[in-house]
Amino acid sequence: GGLKANLPSTIAQGMGADIVVAALVDTAIKPVANRQFKSKKNL
């Protein structure tokens, strides 16, 4: 389901919830050193 809704907040809303609490665990985008991208895994 992560193709389009990795964080399913809108779906939770559609379930009729009065309050939707979402827990997100994805990585925040922060500047990183270019040398990291010499690794295919890091890329």
PDB file of all heavy atoms in Angstrom:
ATOM      1  N   GLY A   1       0.802  -1.222   0.000  1.00  0.00           N
ATOM      2  CA  GLY A   1       0.000   0.000   0.000  1.00  0.00           C
ATOM      3  C   GLY A   1       0.827   1.261   0.000  1.00  0.00           C
ATOM      4  O   GLY A   1       0.317   2.361  -0.232  1.00  0.00           O
ATOM      5  N   GLY A   2       2.153   1.120   0.261  1.00  0.00           N
ATOM      6  CA  GLY A   2       3.014   2.286   0.303  1.00  0.00           C
ATOM      7  C   GLY A   2       3.228   2.969  -1.025  1.00  0.00           C
ATOM      8  O   GLY A   2       3.800   4.058  -1.074  1.00  0.00           O
ATOM      9  N   LEU A   3       2.768   2.361  -2.127  1.00  0.00           N
ATOM     10  CA  LEU A   3       2.904   3.030  -3.419  1.00  0.00           C
ATOM     11  C   LEU A   3       2.257   4.402  -3.412  1.00  0.00           C
ATOM     12  O   LEU A   3       2.778   5.354  -3.974  1.00  0.00           O
ATOM     13  CB  LEU A   3       2.258   2.176  -4.522  1.00  0.00           C
ATOM     14  CG  LEU A   3       3.164   1.213  -5.265  1.00  0.00           C
ATOM     15  CD1 LEU A   3       3.534   0.033  -4.389  1.00  0.00           C
ATOM     16  CD2 LEU A   3       2.503   0.749  -6.548  1.00  0.00           C
ATOM     17  N   LYS A   4       1.094   4.511  -2.773  1.00  0.00           N
ATOM     18  CA  LYS A   4       0.382   5.780  -2.805  1.00  0.00           C
ATOM     19  C   LYS A   4      -0.006   6.293  -1.415  1.00  0.00           C
ATOM     20  O   LYS A   4      -0.335   7.452  -1.266  1.00  0.00           O
ATOM     21  CB  LYS A   4      -0.883   5.657  -3.667  1.00  0.00           C
ATOM     22  CG  LYS A   4      -0.609   5.255  -5.092  1.00  0.00           C
ATOM     23  CD  LYS A   4      -1.871   5.133  -5.907  1.00  0.00           C
ATOM     24  CE  LYS A   4      -2.436   6.478  -6.285  1.00  0.00           C
ATOM     25  NZ  LYS A   4      -1.587   7.228  -7.193  1.00  0.00           N
ATOM     26  N   ALA A   5       0.017   5.432  -0.418  1.00  0.00           N
ATOM     27  CA  ALA A   5      -0.400   5.872   0.925  1.00  0.00           C
ATOM     28  C   ALA A   5       0.452   5.182   1.982  1.00  0.00           C
ATOM     29  O   ALA A   5      -0.035   4.369   2.744  1.00  0.00           O
ATOM     30  CB  ALA A   5      -1.884   5.572   1.138  1.00  0.00           C
ATOM     31  N   ASN A   6       1.738   5.524   2.002  1.00  0.00           N
ATOM     32  CA  ASN A   6       2.607   4.924   3.010  1.00  0.00           C
ATOM     33  C   ASN A   6       2.187   5.350   4.412  1.00  0.00           C
ATOM     34  O   ASN A   6       2.351   4.604   5.372  1.00  0.00           O
ATOM     35  CB  ASN A   6       4.062   5.329   2.760  1.00  0.00           C
ATOM     36  CG  ASN A   6       5.029   4.506   3.574  1.00  0.00           C
ATOM     37  OD1 ASN A   6       4.988   3.278   3.552  1.00  0.00           O
ATOM     38  ND2 ASN A   6       5.891   5.169   4.326  1.00  0.00           N
ATOM     39  N   LEU A   7       1.634   6.543   4.523  1.00  0.00           N
ATOM     40  CA  LEU A   7       1.023   7.007   5.773  1.00  0.00           C
ATOM     41  C   LEU A   7      -0.473   7.154   5.491  1.00  0.00           C
ATOM     42  O   LEU A   7      -0.890   8.100   4.829  1.00  0.00           O
ATOM     43  CB  LEU A   7       1.615   8.348   6.211  1.00  0.00           C
ATOM     44  CG  LEU A   7       1.046   8.949   7.497  1.00  0.00           C
ATOM     45  CD1 LEU A   7       1.341   8.058   8.688  1.00  0.00           C
ATOM     46  CD2 LEU A   7       1.618  10.347   7.737  1.00  0.00           C
ATOM     47  N   PRO A   8      -1.318   6.240   5.954  1.00  0.00           N
ATOM     48  CA  PRO A   8      -2.728   6.190   5.532  1.00  0.00           C
ATOM     49  C   PRO A   8      -3.683   7.096   6.307  1.00  0.00           C
ATOM     50  O   PRO A   8      -4.730   6.666   6.773  1.00  0.00           O
ATOM     51  CB  PRO A   8      -3.078   4.714   5.737  1.00  0.00           C
ATOM     52  CG  PRO A   8      -2.275   4.321   6.934  1.00  0.00           C
ATOM     53  CD  PRO A   8      -0.975   5.072   6.811  1.00  0.00           C
ATOM     54  N   SER A   9      -3.336   8.373   6.417  1.00  0.00           N
ATOM     55  CA  SER A   9      -4.177   9.302   7.185  1.00  0.00           C
ATOM     56  C   SER A   9      -5.527   9.549   6.527  1.00  0.00           C
ATOM     57  O   SER A   9      -6.560   9.586   7.202  1.00  0.00           O
ATOM     58  CB  SER A   9      -3.442  10.632   7.379  1.00  0.00           C
ATOM     59  OG  SER A   9      -2.273  10.459   8.139  1.00  0.00           O
ATOM     60  N   THR A  10      -5.538   9.744   5.206  1.00  0.00           N
ATOM     61  CA  THR A  10      -6.804  10.031   4.534  1.00  0.00           C
ATOM     62  C   THR A  10      -7.746   8.831   4.596  1.00  0.00           C
ATOM     63  O   THR A  10      -8.960   8.994   4.695  1.00  0.00           O
ATOM     64  CB  THR A  10      -6.574  10.424   3.063  1.00  0.00           C
ATOM     65  OG1 THR A  10      -5.798   9.397   2.418  1.00  0.00           O
ATOM     66  CG2 THR A  10      -5.821  11.738   2.969  1.00  0.00           C
ATOM     67  N   ILE A  11      -7.178   7.642   4.555  1.00  0.00           N
ATOM     68  CA  ILE A  11      -8.004   6.443   4.674  1.00  0.00           C
ATOM     69  C   ILE A  11      -8.599   6.357   6.070  1.00  0.00           C
ATOM     70  O   ILE A  11      -9.767   6.014   6.245  1.00  0.00           O
ATOM     71  CB  ILE A  11      -7.186   5.184   4.347  1.00  0.00           C
ATOM     72  CG1 ILE A  11      -6.832   5.176   2.855  1.00  0.00           C
ATOM     73  CG2 ILE A  11      -7.946   3.920   4.713  1.00  0.00           C
ATOM     74  CD1 ILE A  11      -5.993   3.999   2.420  1.00  0.00           C
ATOM     75  N   ALA A  12      -7.808   6.685   7.089  1.00  0.00           N
ATOM     76  CA  ALA A  12      -8.308   6.689   8.465  1.00  0.00           C
ATOM     77  C   ALA A  12      -9.450   7.691   8.618  1.00  0.00           C
ATOM     78  O   ALA A  12     -10.441   7.424   9.307  1.00  0.00           O
ATOM     79  CB  ALA A  12      -7.178   7.012   9.435  1.00  0.00           C
ATOM     80  N   GLN A  13      -9.327   8.834   7.954  1.00  0.00           N
ATOM     81  CA  GLN A  13     -10.414   9.818   7.973  1.00  0.00           C
ATOM     82  C   GLN A  13     -11.683   9.221   7.386  1.00  0.00           C
ATOM     83  O   GLN A  13     -12.779   9.419   7.906  1.00  0.00           O
ATOM     84  CB  GLN A  13     -10.018  11.067   7.173  1.00  0.00           C
ATOM     85  CG  GLN A  13      -9.101  12.016   7.892  1.00  0.00           C
ATOM     86  CD  GLN A  13      -8.844  13.271   7.070  1.00  0.00           C
ATOM     87  OE1 GLN A  13      -8.933  13.250   5.836  1.00  0.00           O
ATOM     88  NE2 GLN A  13      -8.540  14.363   7.730  1.00  0.00           N
ATOM     89  N   GLY A  14     -11.523   8.487   6.292  1.00  0.00           N
ATOM     90  CA  GLY A  14     -12.677   7.896   5.625  1.00  0.00           C
ATOM     91  C   GLY A  14     -13.373   6.828   6.435  1.00  0.00           C
ATOM     92  O   GLY A  14     -14.501   6.440   6.132  1.00  0.00           O
ATOM     93  N   MET A  15     -12.708   6.342   7.485  1.00  0.00           N
ATOM     94  CA  MET A  15     -13.311   5.336   8.354  1.00  0.00           C
ATOM     95  C   MET A  15     -14.268   5.957   9.369  1.00  0.00           C
ATOM     96  O   MET A  15     -14.884   5.248  10.153  1.00  0.00           O
ATOM     97  CB  MET A  15     -12.219   4.575   9.126  1.00  0.00           C
ATOM     98  CG  MET A  15     -11.249   3.835   8.238  1.00  0.00           C
ATOM     99  SD  MET A  15     -12.029   2.487   7.355  1.00  0.00           S
ATOM    100  CE  MET A  15     -10.606   1.542   6.862  1.00  0.00           C
ATOM    101  N   GLY A  16     -14.376   7.273   9.356  1.00  0.00           N
ATOM    102  CA  GLY A  16     -15.309   7.942  10.264  1.00  0.00           C
ATOM    103  C   GLY A  16     -14.714   8.349  11.587  1.00  0.00           C
ATOM    104  O   GLY A  16     -15.450   8.615  12.550  1.00  0.00           O
ATOM    105  N   ALA A  17     -13.391   8.438  11.671  1.00  0.00           N
ATOM    106  CA  ALA A  17     -12.753   8.807  12.930  1.00  0.00           C
ATOM    107  C   ALA A  17     -12.994  10.272  13.271  1.00  0.00           C
ATOM    108  O   ALA A  17     -12.984  11.138  12.395  1.00  0.00           O
ATOM    109  CB  ALA A  17     -11.252   8.544  12.851  1.00  0.00           C
ATOM    110  N   ASP A  18     -13.216  10.548  14.549  1.00  0.00           N
ATOM    111  CA  ASP A  18     -13.294  11.936  15.009  1.00  0.00           C
ATOM    112  C   ASP A  18     -11.900  12.536  15.082  1.00  0.00           C
ATOM    113  O   ASP A  18     -11.703  13.713  14.794  1.00  0.00           O
ATOM    114  CB  ASP A  18     -13.954  12.000  16.392  1.00  0.00           C
ATOM    115  CG  ASP A  18     -15.429  11.624  16.351  1.00  0.00           C
ATOM    116  OD1 ASP A  18     -16.148  12.175  15.494  1.00  0.00           O
ATOM    117  OD2 ASP A  18     -15.850  10.773  17.148  1.00  0.00           O
ATOM    118  N   ILE A  19     -10.947  11.720  15.485  1.00  0.00           N
ATOM    119  CA  ILE A  19      -9.565  12.169  15.607  1.00  0.00           C
ATOM    120  C   ILE A  19      -8.658  11.124  14.958  1.00  0.00           C
ATOM    121  O   ILE A  19      -8.754   9.940  15.261  1.00  0.00           O
ATOM    122  CB  ILE A  19      -9.149  12.357  17.084  1.00  0.00           C
ATOM    123  CG1 ILE A  19     -10.012  13.424  17.750  1.00  0.00           C
ATOM    124  CG2 ILE A  19      -7.675  12.727  17.192  1.00  0.00           C
ATOM    125  CD1 ILE A  19      -9.762  13.563  19.240  1.00  0.00           C
ATOM    126  N   VAL A  20      -7.788  11.577  14.056  1.00  0.00           N
ATOM    127  CA  VAL A  20      -6.808  10.691  13.422  1.00  0.00           C
ATOM    128  C   VAL A  20      -5.430  11.045  13.965  1.00  0.00           C
ATOM    129  O   VAL A  20      -4.953  12.167  13.814  1.00  0.00           O
ATOM    130  CB  VAL A  20      -6.800  10.852  11.885  1.00  0.00           C
ATOM    131  CG1 VAL A  20      -5.655  10.041  11.278  1.00  0.00           C
ATOM    132  CG2 VAL A  20      -8.129  10.406  11.299  1.00  0.00           C
ATOM    133  N   VAL A  21      -4.805  10.069  14.614  1.00  0.00           N
ATOM    134  CA  VAL A  21      -3.424  10.223  15.080  1.00  0.00           C
ATOM    135  C   VAL A  21      -2.559   9.380  14.158  1.00  0.00           C
ATOM    136  O   VAL A  21      -2.807   8.184  13.981  1.00  0.00           O
ATOM    137  CB  VAL A  21      -3.252   9.754  16.538  1.00  0.00           C
ATOM    138  CG1 VAL A  21      -1.793   9.886  16.965  1.00  0.00           C
ATOM    139  CG2 VAL A  21      -4.149  10.565  17.466  1.00  0.00           C
ATOM    140  N   ALA A  22      -1.569   9.994  13.542  1.00  0.00           N
ATOM    141  CA  ALA A  22      -0.723   9.293  12.578  1.00  0.00           C
ATOM    142  C   ALA A  22       0.689   9.133  13.121  1.00  0.00           C
ATOM    143  O   ALA A  22       1.256  10.071  13.694  1.00  0.00           O
ATOM    144  CB  ALA A  22      -0.686  10.063  11.262  1.00  0.00           C
ATOM    145  N   ALA A  23       1.244   7.942  12.956  1.00  0.00           N
ATOM    146  CA  ALA A  23       2.626   7.662  13.337  1.00  0.00           C
ATOM    147  C   ALA A  23       3.441   7.461  12.065  1.00  0.00           C
ATOM    148  O   ALA A  23       3.200   6.524  11.312  1.00  0.00           O
ATOM    149  CB  ALA A  23       2.702   6.434  14.220  1.00  0.00           C
ATOM    150  N   LEU A  24       4.386   8.354  11.820  1.00  0.00           N
ATOM    151  CA  LEU A  24       5.221   8.333  10.619  1.00  0.00           C
ATOM    152  C   LEU A  24       6.652   7.967  11.005  1.00  0.00           C
ATOM    153  O   LEU A  24       7.207   8.538  11.949  1.00  0.00           O
ATOM    154  CB  LEU A  24       5.196   9.711   9.941  1.00  0.00           C
ATOM    155  CG  LEU A  24       6.109   9.929   8.741  1.00  0.00           C
ATOM    156  CD1 LEU A  24       5.727   9.010   7.595  1.00  0.00           C
ATOM    157  CD2 LEU A  24       6.056  11.394   8.294  1.00  0.00           C
ATOM    158  N   VAL A  25       7.254   7.028  10.282  1.00  0.00           N
ATOM    159  CA  VAL A  25       8.608   6.587  10.640  1.00  0.00           C
ATOM    160  C   VAL A  25       9.605   6.722   9.494  1.00  0.00           C
ATOM    161  O   VAL A  25      10.717   6.207   9.583  1.00  0.00           O
ATOM    162  CB  VAL A  25       8.586   5.127  11.145  1.00  0.00           C
ATOM    163  CG1 VAL A  25       7.763   5.009  12.400  1.00  0.00           C
ATOM    164  CG2 VAL A  25       8.081   4.164  10.072  1.00  0.00           C
ATOM    165  N   ASP A  26       9.241   7.420   8.435  1.00  0.00           N
ATOM    166  CA  ASP A  26      10.159   7.566   7.312  1.00  0.00           C
ATOM    167  C   ASP A  26      11.272   8.564   7.618  1.00  0.00           C
ATOM    168  O   ASP A  26      11.161   9.409   8.499  1.00  0.00           O
ATOM    169  CB  ASP A  26       9.406   8.003   6.055  1.00  0.00           C
ATOM    170  CG  ASP A  26       8.777   6.823   5.340  1.00  0.00           C
ATOM    171  OD1 ASP A  26       9.279   5.707   5.497  1.00  0.00           O
ATOM    172  OD2 ASP A  26       7.771   7.018   4.630  1.00  0.00           O
ATOM    173  N   THR A  27      12.328   8.484   6.838  1.00  0.00           N
ATOM    174  CA  THR A  27      13.506   9.328   7.026  1.00  0.00           C
ATOM    175  C   THR A  27      13.242  10.758   6.588  1.00  0.00           C
ATOM    176  O   THR A  27      12.634  11.000   5.545  1.00  0.00           O
ATOM    177  CB  THR A  27      14.685   8.763   6.213  1.00  0.00           C
ATOM    178  OG1 THR A  27      14.959   7.431   6.652  1.00  0.00           O
ATOM    179  CG2 THR A  27      15.932   9.612   6.383  1.00  0.00           C
ATOM    180  N   ALA A  28      13.695  11.716   7.400  1.00  0.00           N
ATOM    181  CA  ALA A  28      13.601  13.129   7.031  1.00  0.00           C
ATOM    182  C   ALA A  28      14.699  13.450   6.027  1.00  0.00           C
ATOM    183  O   ALA A  28      15.798  12.886   6.082  1.00  0.00           O
ATOM    184  CB  ALA A  28      13.747  14.009   8.271  1.00  0.00           C
ATOM    185  N   ILE A  29      14.402  14.358   5.103  1.00  0.00           N
ATOM    186  CA  ILE A  29      15.376  14.723   4.082  1.00  0.00           C
ATOM    187  C   ILE A  29      16.306  15.796   4.631  1.00  0.00           C
ATOM    188  O   ILE A  29      15.894  16.916   4.911  1.00  0.00           O
ATOM    189  CB  ILE A  29      14.675  15.236   2.807  1.00  0.00           C
ATOM    190  CG1 ILE A  29      13.706  14.184   2.283  1.00  0.00           C
ATOM    191  CG2 ILE A  29      15.712  15.598   1.745  1.00  0.00           C
ATOM    192  CD1 ILE A  29      14.347  12.852   1.975  1.00  0.00           C
ATOM    193  N   LYS A  30      17.563  15.428   4.782  1.00  0.00           N
ATOM    194  CA  LYS A  30      18.583  16.347   5.283  1.00  0.00           C
ATOM    195  C   LYS A  30      19.807  16.272   4.376  1.00  0.00           C
ATOM    196  O   LYS A  30      20.043  15.246   3.735  1.00  0.00           O
ATOM    197  CB  LYS A  30      18.971  15.962   6.717  1.00  0.00           C
ATOM    198  CG  LYS A  30      17.831  16.089   7.723  1.00  0.00           C
ATOM    199  CD  LYS A  30      18.235  15.579   9.099  1.00  0.00           C
ATOM    200  CE  LYS A  30      18.369  14.072   9.114  1.00  0.00           C
ATOM    201  NZ  LYS A  30      18.513  13.530  10.494  1.00  0.00           N
ATOM    202  N   PRO A  31      20.597  17.360   4.302  1.00  0.00           N
ATOM    203  CA  PRO A  31      21.798  17.324   3.454  1.00  0.00           C
ATOM    204  C   PRO A  31      22.757  16.220   3.890  1.00  0.00           C
ATOM    205  O   PRO A  31      22.931  15.962   5.086  1.00  0.00           O
ATOM    206  CB  PRO A  31      22.425  18.710   3.683  1.00  0.00           C
ATOM    207  CG  PRO A  31      21.286  19.574   4.120  1.00  0.00           C
ATOM    208  CD  PRO A  31      20.397  18.674   4.932  1.00  0.00           C
ATOM    209  N   VAL A  32      23.347  15.551   2.918  1.00  0.00           N
ATOM    210  CA  VAL A  32      24.322  14.494   3.201  1.00  0.00           C
ATOM    211  C   VAL A  32      25.537  14.691   2.310  1.00  0.00           C
ATOM    212  O   VAL A  32      25.493  15.414   1.311  1.00  0.00           O
ATOM    213  CB  VAL A  32      23.721  13.088   2.954  1.00  0.00           C
ATOM    214  CG1 VAL A  32      22.590  12.818   3.924  1.00  0.00           C
ATOM    215  CG2 VAL A  32      23.243  12.945   1.519  1.00  0.00           C
ATOM    216  N   ALA A  33      26.634  14.054   2.674  1.00  0.00           N
ATOM    217  CA  ALA A  33      27.872  14.171   1.905  1.00  0.00           C
ATOM    218  C   ALA A  33      27.758  13.423   0.579  1.00  0.00           C
ATOM    219  O   ALA A  33      27.207  12.324   0.511  1.00  0.00           O
ATOM    220  CB  ALA A  33      29.042  13.613   2.713  1.00  0.00           C
ATOM    221  N   ASN A  34      28.249  14.032  -0.487  1.00  0.00           N
ATOM    222  CA  ASN A  34      28.167  13.416  -1.811  1.00  0.00           C
ATOM    223  C   ASN A  34      28.876  12.076  -1.892  1.00  0.00           C
ATOM    224  O   ASN A  34      28.499  11.202  -2.676  1.00  0.00           O
ATOM    225  CB  ASN A  34      28.751  14.361  -2.863  1.00  0.00           C
ATOM    226  CG  ASN A  34      27.873  15.575  -3.093  1.00  0.00           C
ATOM    227  OD1 ASN A  34      26.687  15.549  -2.796  1.00  0.00           O
ATOM    228  ND2 ASN A  34      28.466  16.643  -3.625  1.00  0.00           N
ATOM    229  N   ARG A  35      29.919  11.900  -1.095  1.00  0.00           N
ATOM    230  CA  ARG A  35      30.689  10.658  -1.167  1.00  0.00           C
ATOM    231  C   ARG A  35      29.842   9.433  -0.814  1.00  0.00           C
ATOM    232  O   ARG A  35      30.191   8.306  -1.191  1.00  0.00           O
ATOM    233  CB  ARG A  35      31.899  10.727  -0.244  1.00  0.00           C
ATOM    234  CG  ARG A  35      31.568  10.859   1.235  1.00  0.00           C
ATOM    235  CD  ARG A  35      32.825  10.838   2.091  1.00  0.00           C
ATOM    236  NE  ARG A  35      32.534  11.002   3.501  1.00  0.00           N
ATOM    237  CZ  ARG A  35      32.393  12.166   4.105  1.00  0.00           C
ATOM    238  NH1 ARG A  35      32.525  13.305   3.404  1.00  0.00           N
ATOM    239  NH2 ARG A  35      32.115  12.242   5.395  1.00  0.00           N
ATOM    240  N   GLN A  36      28.720   9.641  -0.110  1.00  0.00           N
ATOM    241  CA  GLN A  36      27.858   8.516   0.252  1.00  0.00           C
ATOM    242  C   GLN A  36      27.278   7.824  -0.976  1.00  0.00           C
ATOM    243  O   GLN A  36      26.955   6.638  -0.937  1.00  0.00           O
ATOM    244  CB  GLN A  36      26.716   8.982   1.158  1.00  0.00           C
ATOM    245  CG  GLN A  36      27.153   9.381   2.551  1.00  0.00           C
ATOM    246  CD  GLN A  36      25.975   9.536   3.485  1.00  0.00           C
ATOM    247  OE1 GLN A  36      24.889   9.033   3.231  1.00  0.00           O
ATOM    248  NE2 GLN A  36      26.189  10.238   4.586  1.00  0.00           N
ATOM    249  N   PHE A  37      27.137   8.569  -2.066  1.00  0.00           N
ATOM    250  CA  PHE A  37      26.458   8.031  -3.236  1.00  0.00           C
ATOM    251  C   PHE A  37      27.386   7.234  -4.149  1.00  0.00           C
ATOM    252  O   PHE A  37      27.028   6.882  -5.273  1.00  0.00           O
ATOM    253  CB  PHE A  37      25.765   9.157  -3.997  1.00  0.00           C
ATOM    254  CG  PHE A  37      24.819   9.929  -3.129  1.00  0.00           C
ATOM    255  CD1 PHE A  37      24.918  11.307  -3.012  1.00  0.00           C
ATOM    256  CD2 PHE A  37      23.853   9.274  -2.387  1.00  0.00           C
ATOM    257  CE1 PHE A  37      24.059  12.012  -2.189  1.00  0.00           C
ATOM    258  CE2 PHE A  37      22.992   9.970  -1.563  1.00  0.00           C
ATOM    259  CZ  PHE A  37      23.094  11.339  -1.458  1.00  0.00           C
ATOM    260  N   LYS A  38      28.588   6.928  -3.665  1.00  0.00           N
ATOM    261  CA  LYS A  38      29.446   5.976  -4.360  1.00  0.00           C
ATOM    262  C   LYS A  38      28.996   4.559  -4.053  1.00  0.00           C
ATOM    263  O   LYS A  38      29.430   3.610  -4.704  1.00  0.00           O
ATOM    264  CB  LYS A  38      30.900   6.189  -3.946  1.00  0.00           C
ATOM    265  CG  LYS A  38      31.469   7.532  -4.408  1.00  0.00           C
ATOM    266  CD  LYS A  38      32.926   7.686  -4.018  1.00  0.00           C
ATOM    267  CE  LYS A  38      33.475   9.039  -4.491  1.00  0.00           C
ATOM    268  NZ  LYS A  38      34.907   9.198  -4.135  1.00  0.00           N
ATOM    269  N   SER A  39      28.129   4.441  -3.056  1.00  0.00           N
ATOM    270  CA  SER A  39      27.534   3.157  -2.693  1.00  0.00           C
ATOM    271  C   SER A  39      26.164   3.039  -3.344  1.00  0.00           C
ATOM    272  O   SER A  39      25.327   3.938  -3.232  1.00  0.00           O
ATOM    273  CB  SER A  39      27.395   3.064  -1.165  1.00  0.00           C
ATOM    274  OG  SER A  39      26.487   2.057  -0.801  1.00  0.00           O
ATOM    275  N   LYS A  40      25.942   1.915  -4.051  1.00  0.00           N
ATOM    276  CA  LYS A  40      24.645   1.709  -4.701  1.00  0.00           C
ATOM    277  C   LYS A  40      23.525   1.655  -3.669  1.00  0.00           C
ATOM    278  O   LYS A  40      22.434   2.168  -3.900  1.00  0.00           O
ATOM    279  CB  LYS A  40      24.666   0.415  -5.518  1.00  0.00           C
ATOM    280  CG  LYS A  40      25.580   0.466  -6.729  1.00  0.00           C
ATOM    281  CD  LYS A  40      25.544  -0.850  -7.495  1.00  0.00           C
ATOM    282  CE  LYS A  40      26.465  -0.810  -8.699  1.00  0.00           C
ATOM    283  NZ  LYS A  40      26.458  -2.100  -9.440  1.00  0.00           N
ATOM    284  N   LYS A  41      23.793   1.027  -2.541  1.00  0.00           N
ATOM    285  CA  LYS A  41      22.787   0.911  -1.494  1.00  0.00           C
ATOM    286  C   LYS A  41      22.373   2.287  -0.995  1.00  0.00           C
ATOM    287  O   LYS A  41      21.181   2.595  -0.871  1.00  0.00           O
ATOM    288  CB  LYS A  41      23.328   0.072  -0.340  1.00  0.00           C
ATOM    289  CG  LYS A  41      22.394  -0.022   0.849  1.00  0.00           C
ATOM    290  CD  LYS A  41      23.013  -0.830   1.970  1.00  0.00           C
ATOM    291  CE  LYS A  41      22.123  -0.829   3.209  1.00  0.00           C
ATOM    292  NZ  LYS A  41      22.744  -1.586   4.330  1.00  0.00           N
ATOM    293  N   ASN A  42      23.354   3.153  -0.717  1.00  0.00           N
ATOM    294  CA  ASN A  42      23.039   4.499  -0.242  1.00  0.00           C
ATOM    295  C   ASN A  42      22.280   5.298  -1.285  1.00  0.00           C
ATOM    296  O   ASN A  42      21.383   6.081  -0.958  1.00  0.00           O
ATOM    297  CB  ASN A  42      24.319   5.239   0.137  1.00  0.00           C
ATOM    298  CG  ASN A  42      24.968   4.682   1.388  1.00  0.00           C
ATOM    299  OD1 ASN A  42      24.331   3.957   2.154  1.00  0.00           O
ATOM    300  ND2 ASN A  42      26.242   5.007   1.593  1.00  0.00           N
ATOM    301  N   LEU A  43      22.634   5.103  -2.551  1.00  0.00           N
ATOM    302  CA  LEU A  43      21.953   5.814  -3.627  1.00  0.00           C
ATOM    303  C   LEU A  43      20.488   5.409  -3.697  1.00  0.00           C
ATOM    304  O   LEU A  43      19.596   6.260  -3.800  1.00  0.00           O
ATOM    305  CB  LEU A  43      22.646   5.534  -4.959  1.00  0.00           C
ATOM    306  CG  LEU A  43      21.995   6.154  -6.207  1.00  0.00           C
ATOM    307  CD1 LEU A  43      21.966   7.679  -6.084  1.00  0.00           C
ATOM    308  CD2 LEU A  43      22.743   5.729  -7.458  1.00  0.00           C
TER     309      LEU A  43
END
